[in-house]
Amino acid sequence: MPAWPQRFYDLKRGVGCPFCAQGRPDETPHGIRFHAGELTDAYLSRGGIQRGLSYVVFRDRHVVEPTELEPDETARFWAEVLHAARALESVFQPVKLNYDILGNSVPHLHVHLVPRYADDPRPEWPFPFPEEDPPAFPDDEVRADAERLRVSCGASLDALS
């Protein structure tokens, strides 16, 4: 039976964690930040897997599982995830939004927000991620979508005041 590679255990301890090494950039090779929260950053994926696919990364420190958060952090973390999710719902108007917490390849707490549309390839089942990454969406489209999400995030913050 195959074992988890040592690299995974090192990453789990925070050794060489790419999310920790990034700091809090506006852009990564994988996405464009559309919201910077107190504890998280939300990024719109550049990858051509699904329009609106985003991820929210816990940035306060290295954490692998949500169970490692303190009670007050838990509430704030989920509030920030939901803030990003509301922006996705507003901008992209999916039929459904999936919240995936995986971390099998990068064991650092992050949530994938996966919009599901009317033409979904597998309604009623988990989203079918391809074996190989498809070509990225055109950069100008991703940037325009990220800006629309930024505006939505700001508008929803204003609504909370």
C-alpha atoms as a PDB file:
ATOM      1  CA  MET A   1       0.000   0.000   0.000  1.00  0.00           C
ATOM      2  CA  PRO A   2       1.492   3.401  -0.948  1.00  0.00           C
ATOM      3  CA  ALA A   3       2.428   5.766   1.849  1.00  0.00           C
ATOM      4  CA  TRP A   4       2.156   9.540   1.957  1.00  0.00           C
ATOM      5  CA  PRO A   5       5.461  11.017   0.754  1.00  0.00           C
ATOM      6  CA  GLN A   6       7.820  12.568   3.296  1.00  0.00           C
ATOM      7  CA  ARG A   7       7.408  15.911   1.487  1.00  0.00           C
ATOM      8  CA  PHE A   8       3.745  15.947   2.589  1.00  0.00           C
ATOM      9  CA  TYR A   9       4.707  15.517   6.263  1.00  0.00           C
ATOM     10  CA  ASP A  10       7.291  18.293   5.931  1.00  0.00           C
ATOM     11  CA  LEU A  11       4.724  20.605   4.344  1.00  0.00           C
ATOM     12  CA  LYS A  12       2.222  19.687   7.046  1.00  0.00           C
ATOM     13  CA  ARG A  13       4.715  20.921   9.642  1.00  0.00           C
ATOM     14  CA  GLY A  14       5.125  24.114   7.617  1.00  0.00           C
ATOM     15  CA  VAL A  15       8.554  23.239   6.184  1.00  0.00           C
ATOM     16  CA  GLY A  16       8.634  24.655   2.662  1.00  0.00           C
ATOM     17  CA  CYS A  17       4.936  25.611   2.710  1.00  0.00           C
ATOM     18  CA  PRO A  18       4.313  27.607  -0.480  1.00  0.00           C
ATOM     19  CA  PHE A  19       1.381  29.532   1.029  1.00  0.00           C
ATOM     20  CA  CYS A  20       3.503  30.643   3.982  1.00  0.00           C
ATOM     21  CA  ALA A  21       6.404  31.575   1.695  1.00  0.00           C
ATOM     22  CA  GLN A  22       4.135  33.763  -0.473  1.00  0.00           C
ATOM     23  CA  GLY A  23       3.259  36.254   2.191  1.00  0.00           C
ATOM     24  CA  ARG A  24       0.126  38.078   1.040  1.00  0.00           C
ATOM     25  CA  PRO A  25       0.671  38.874  -2.640  1.00  0.00           C
ATOM     26  CA  ASP A  26      -1.853  40.575  -4.896  1.00  0.00           C
ATOM     27  CA  GLU A  27      -1.148  37.904  -7.506  1.00  0.00           C
ATOM     28  CA  THR A  28       0.276  34.400  -7.555  1.00  0.00           C
ATOM     29  CA  PRO A  29       1.007  32.155 -10.537  1.00  0.00           C
ATOM     30  CA  HIS A  30      -2.391  30.568  -9.830  1.00  0.00           C
ATOM     31  CA  GLY A  31      -4.653  33.507  -9.098  1.00  0.00           C
ATOM     32  CA  ILE A  32      -5.464  37.175  -8.605  1.00  0.00           C
ATOM     33  CA  ARG A  33      -6.465  38.406  -5.158  1.00  0.00           C
ATOM     34  CA  PHE A  34      -9.920  39.959  -5.035  1.00  0.00           C
ATOM     35  CA  HIS A  35     -10.237  40.280  -1.261  1.00  0.00           C
ATOM     36  CA  ALA A  36      -7.762  40.719   1.579  1.00  0.00           C
ATOM     37  CA  GLY A  37      -9.387  39.972   4.899  1.00  0.00           C
ATOM     38  CA  GLU A  38      -7.986  40.126   8.402  1.00  0.00           C
ATOM     39  CA  LEU A  39      -7.046  36.423   8.352  1.00  0.00           C
ATOM     40  CA  THR A  40      -7.471  35.381   4.725  1.00  0.00           C
ATOM     41  CA  ASP A  41      -6.838  36.249   1.113  1.00  0.00           C
ATOM     42  CA  ALA A  42      -9.320  35.283  -1.602  1.00  0.00           C
ATOM     43  CA  TYR A  43      -7.971  34.576  -5.095  1.00  0.00           C
ATOM     44  CA  LEU A  44      -9.732  34.089  -8.404  1.00  0.00           C
ATOM     45  CA  SER A  45      -8.115  31.169 -10.192  1.00  0.00           C
ATOM     46  CA  ARG A  46      -6.405  31.767 -13.522  1.00  0.00           C
ATOM     47  CA  GLY A  47      -6.799  28.089 -14.432  1.00  0.00           C
ATOM     48  CA  GLY A  48      -9.250  27.178 -17.152  1.00  0.00           C
ATOM     49  CA  ILE A  49     -11.052  24.597 -15.033  1.00  0.00           C
ATOM     50  CA  GLN A  50     -14.220  26.515 -14.142  1.00  0.00           C
ATOM     51  CA  ARG A  51     -15.010  30.215 -14.463  1.00  0.00           C
ATOM     52  CA  GLY A  52     -15.140  31.775 -11.012  1.00  0.00           C
ATOM     53  CA  LEU A  53     -13.180  28.995  -9.301  1.00  0.00           C
ATOM     54  CA  SER A  54     -11.560  30.684  -6.320  1.00  0.00           C
ATOM     55  CA  TYR A  55      -9.678  29.831  -3.187  1.00  0.00           C
ATOM     56  CA  VAL A  56      -9.498  31.460   0.224  1.00  0.00           C
ATOM     57  CA  VAL A  57      -6.198  30.987   2.064  1.00  0.00           C
ATOM     58  CA  PHE A  58      -5.747  31.330   5.839  1.00  0.00           C
ATOM     59  CA  ARG A  59      -2.797  33.727   6.186  1.00  0.00           C
ATOM     60  CA  ASP A  60      -2.406  34.387   9.905  1.00  0.00           C
ATOM     61  CA  ARG A  61       0.006  31.474  10.439  1.00  0.00           C
ATOM     62  CA  HIS A  62       0.589  27.917   9.240  1.00  0.00           C
ATOM     63  CA  VAL A  63      -2.530  25.875   9.948  1.00  0.00           C
ATOM     64  CA  VAL A  64      -3.511  22.648   8.212  1.00  0.00           C
ATOM     65  CA  GLU A  65      -6.993  21.851   9.513  1.00  0.00           C
ATOM     66  CA  PRO A  66      -9.868  24.106  10.601  1.00  0.00           C
ATOM     67  CA  THR A  67      -9.802  22.206  13.894  1.00  0.00           C
ATOM     68  CA  GLU A  68      -6.472  23.942  14.649  1.00  0.00           C
ATOM     69  CA  LEU A  69      -8.128  27.362  14.785  1.00  0.00           C
ATOM     70  CA  GLU A  70      -9.026  29.029  18.062  1.00  0.00           C
ATOM     71  CA  PRO A  71     -12.783  29.573  18.526  1.00  0.00           C
ATOM     72  CA  ASP A  72     -12.616  33.291  17.690  1.00  0.00           C
ATOM     73  CA  GLU A  73     -10.438  32.562  14.639  1.00  0.00           C
ATOM     74  CA  THR A  74     -12.924  29.954  13.473  1.00  0.00           C
ATOM     75  CA  ALA A  75     -15.764  32.472  13.397  1.00  0.00           C
ATOM     76  CA  ARG A  76     -13.652  35.115  11.662  1.00  0.00           C
ATOM     77  CA  PHE A  77     -12.222  32.606   9.151  1.00  0.00           C
ATOM     78  CA  TRP A  78     -15.651  31.375   8.100  1.00  0.00           C
ATOM     79  CA  ALA A  79     -17.031  34.923   7.963  1.00  0.00           C
ATOM     80  CA  GLU A  80     -14.256  35.809   5.506  1.00  0.00           C
ATOM     81  CA  VAL A  81     -14.842  32.657   3.436  1.00  0.00           C
ATOM     82  CA  LEU A  82     -18.544  33.513   3.243  1.00  0.00           C
ATOM     83  CA  HIS A  83     -17.737  37.110   2.301  1.00  0.00           C
ATOM     84  CA  ALA A  84     -15.799  35.832  -0.736  1.00  0.00           C
ATOM     85  CA  ALA A  85     -18.557  33.315  -1.498  1.00  0.00           C
ATOM     86  CA  ARG A  86     -21.215  36.035  -1.502  1.00  0.00           C
ATOM     87  CA  ALA A  87     -19.153  38.007  -4.019  1.00  0.00           C
ATOM     88  CA  LEU A  88     -18.886  34.915  -6.253  1.00  0.00           C
ATOM     89  CA  GLU A  89     -22.642  34.360  -6.034  1.00  0.00           C
ATOM     90  CA  SER A  90     -23.307  37.997  -6.895  1.00  0.00           C
ATOM     91  CA  VAL A  91     -20.885  38.213  -9.825  1.00  0.00           C
ATOM     92  CA  PHE A  92     -21.230  34.757 -11.399  1.00  0.00           C
ATOM     93  CA  GLN A  93     -24.736  33.711 -10.242  1.00  0.00           C
ATOM     94  CA  PRO A  94     -24.023  29.961 -10.100  1.00  0.00           C
ATOM     95  CA  VAL A  95     -26.769  27.408  -9.527  1.00  0.00           C
ATOM     96  CA  LYS A  96     -24.737  26.084  -6.560  1.00  0.00           C
ATOM     97  CA  LEU A  97     -21.449  26.916  -4.865  1.00  0.00           C
ATOM     98  CA  ASN A  98     -19.275  24.095  -3.484  1.00  0.00           C
ATOM     99  CA  TYR A  99     -16.881  24.595  -0.567  1.00  0.00           C
ATOM    100  CA  ASP A 100     -13.939  22.182  -0.797  1.00  0.00           C
ATOM    101  CA  ILE A 101     -11.399  21.878   2.003  1.00  0.00           C
ATOM    102  CA  LEU A 102      -8.791  19.450   0.751  1.00  0.00           C
ATOM    103  CA  GLY A 103      -5.127  20.195   1.365  1.00  0.00           C
ATOM    104  CA  ASN A 104      -3.919  16.841   0.074  1.00  0.00           C
ATOM    105  CA  SER A 105      -1.249  18.439  -2.097  1.00  0.00           C
ATOM    106  CA  VAL A 106      -0.666  21.652  -0.114  1.00  0.00           C
ATOM    107  CA  PRO A 107      -1.490  20.985   3.551  1.00  0.00           C
ATOM    108  CA  HIS A 108      -2.225  24.576   4.538  1.00  0.00           C
ATOM    109  CA  LEU A 109      -5.779  25.638   5.388  1.00  0.00           C
ATOM    110  CA  HIS A 110      -7.558  26.907   2.294  1.00  0.00           C
ATOM    111  CA  VAL A 111     -11.036  26.535   0.864  1.00  0.00           C
ATOM    112  CA  HIS A 112     -11.763  26.085  -2.830  1.00  0.00           C
ATOM    113  CA  LEU A 113     -14.988  27.832  -3.831  1.00  0.00           C
ATOM    114  CA  VAL A 114     -16.341  26.026  -6.892  1.00  0.00           C
ATOM    115  CA  PRO A 115     -19.238  27.631  -8.763  1.00  0.00           C
ATOM    116  CA  ARG A 116     -21.600  25.138 -10.382  1.00  0.00           C
ATOM    117  CA  TYR A 117     -23.562  26.330 -13.413  1.00  0.00           C
ATOM    118  CA  ALA A 118     -26.648  25.181 -15.346  1.00  0.00           C
ATOM    119  CA  ASP A 119     -24.402  23.476 -17.941  1.00  0.00           C
ATOM    120  CA  ASP A 120     -22.470  21.639 -15.211  1.00  0.00           C
ATOM    121  CA  PRO A 121     -20.613  18.531 -16.430  1.00  0.00           C
ATOM    122  CA  ARG A 122     -21.806  16.467 -13.426  1.00  0.00           C
ATOM    123  CA  PRO A 123     -24.735  17.970 -11.569  1.00  0.00           C
ATOM    124  CA  GLU A 124     -25.484  16.391  -8.201  1.00  0.00           C
ATOM    125  CA  TRP A 125     -21.900  15.065  -7.909  1.00  0.00           C
ATOM    126  CA  PRO A 126     -18.592  16.633  -6.842  1.00  0.00           C
ATOM    127  CA  PHE A 127     -17.040  18.784  -9.528  1.00  0.00           C
ATOM    128  CA  PRO A 128     -14.911  16.654 -11.884  1.00  0.00           C
ATOM    129  CA  PHE A 129     -11.456  18.215 -11.834  1.00  0.00           C
ATOM    130  CA  PRO A 130      -9.407  17.098 -14.862  1.00  0.00           C
ATOM    131  CA  GLU A 131      -6.271  14.965 -14.570  1.00  0.00           C
ATOM    132  CA  GLU A 132      -4.266  17.660 -16.358  1.00  0.00           C
ATOM    133  CA  ASP A 133      -4.806  21.392 -16.097  1.00  0.00           C
ATOM    134  CA  PRO A 134      -6.534  22.889 -19.133  1.00  0.00           C
ATOM    135  CA  PRO A 135      -5.138  26.109 -20.619  1.00  0.00           C
ATOM    136  CA  ALA A 136      -5.623  29.177 -18.418  1.00  0.00           C
ATOM    137  CA  PHE A 137      -8.456  31.593 -19.088  1.00  0.00           C
ATOM    138  CA  PRO A 138      -7.408  34.695 -21.048  1.00  0.00           C
ATOM    139  CA  ASP A 139      -5.644  37.103 -18.696  1.00  0.00           C
ATOM    140  CA  ASP A 140      -7.869  40.075 -19.576  1.00  0.00           C
ATOM    141  CA  GLU A 141     -10.995  38.053 -18.706  1.00  0.00           C
ATOM    142  CA  VAL A 142      -9.583  36.930 -15.351  1.00  0.00           C
ATOM    143  CA  ARG A 143      -8.548  40.491 -14.493  1.00  0.00           C
ATOM    144  CA  ALA A 144     -11.987  41.831 -15.412  1.00  0.00           C
ATOM    145  CA  ASP A 145     -13.681  39.132 -13.304  1.00  0.00           C
ATOM    146  CA  ALA A 146     -11.337  39.830 -10.376  1.00  0.00           C
ATOM    147  CA  GLU A 147     -12.213  43.528 -10.550  1.00  0.00           C
ATOM    148  CA  ARG A 148     -15.933  42.713 -10.547  1.00  0.00           C
ATOM    149  CA  LEU A 149     -15.356  40.540  -7.467  1.00  0.00           C
ATOM    150  CA  ARG A 150     -13.407  43.347  -5.746  1.00  0.00           C
ATOM    151  CA  VAL A 151     -16.289  45.717  -6.358  1.00  0.00           C
ATOM    152  CA  SER A 152     -18.763  43.158  -5.043  1.00  0.00           C
ATOM    153  CA  CYS A 153     -16.651  42.563  -1.929  1.00  0.00           C
ATOM    154  CA  GLY A 154     -16.503  46.282  -1.255  1.00  0.00           C
ATOM    155  CA  ALA A 155     -20.220  46.672  -1.826  1.00  0.00           C
ATOM    156  CA  SER A 156     -21.037  43.815   0.529  1.00  0.00           C
ATOM    157  CA  LEU A 157     -18.739  45.322   3.174  1.00  0.00           C
ATOM    158  CA  ASP A 158     -20.572  48.626   2.809  1.00  0.00           C
ATOM    159  CA  ALA A 159     -23.881  46.806   3.263  1.00  0.00           C
ATOM    160  CA  LEU A 160     -22.651  45.380   6.596  1.00  0.00           C
ATOM    161  CA  SER A 161     -21.854  48.863   7.981  1.00  0.00           C
END
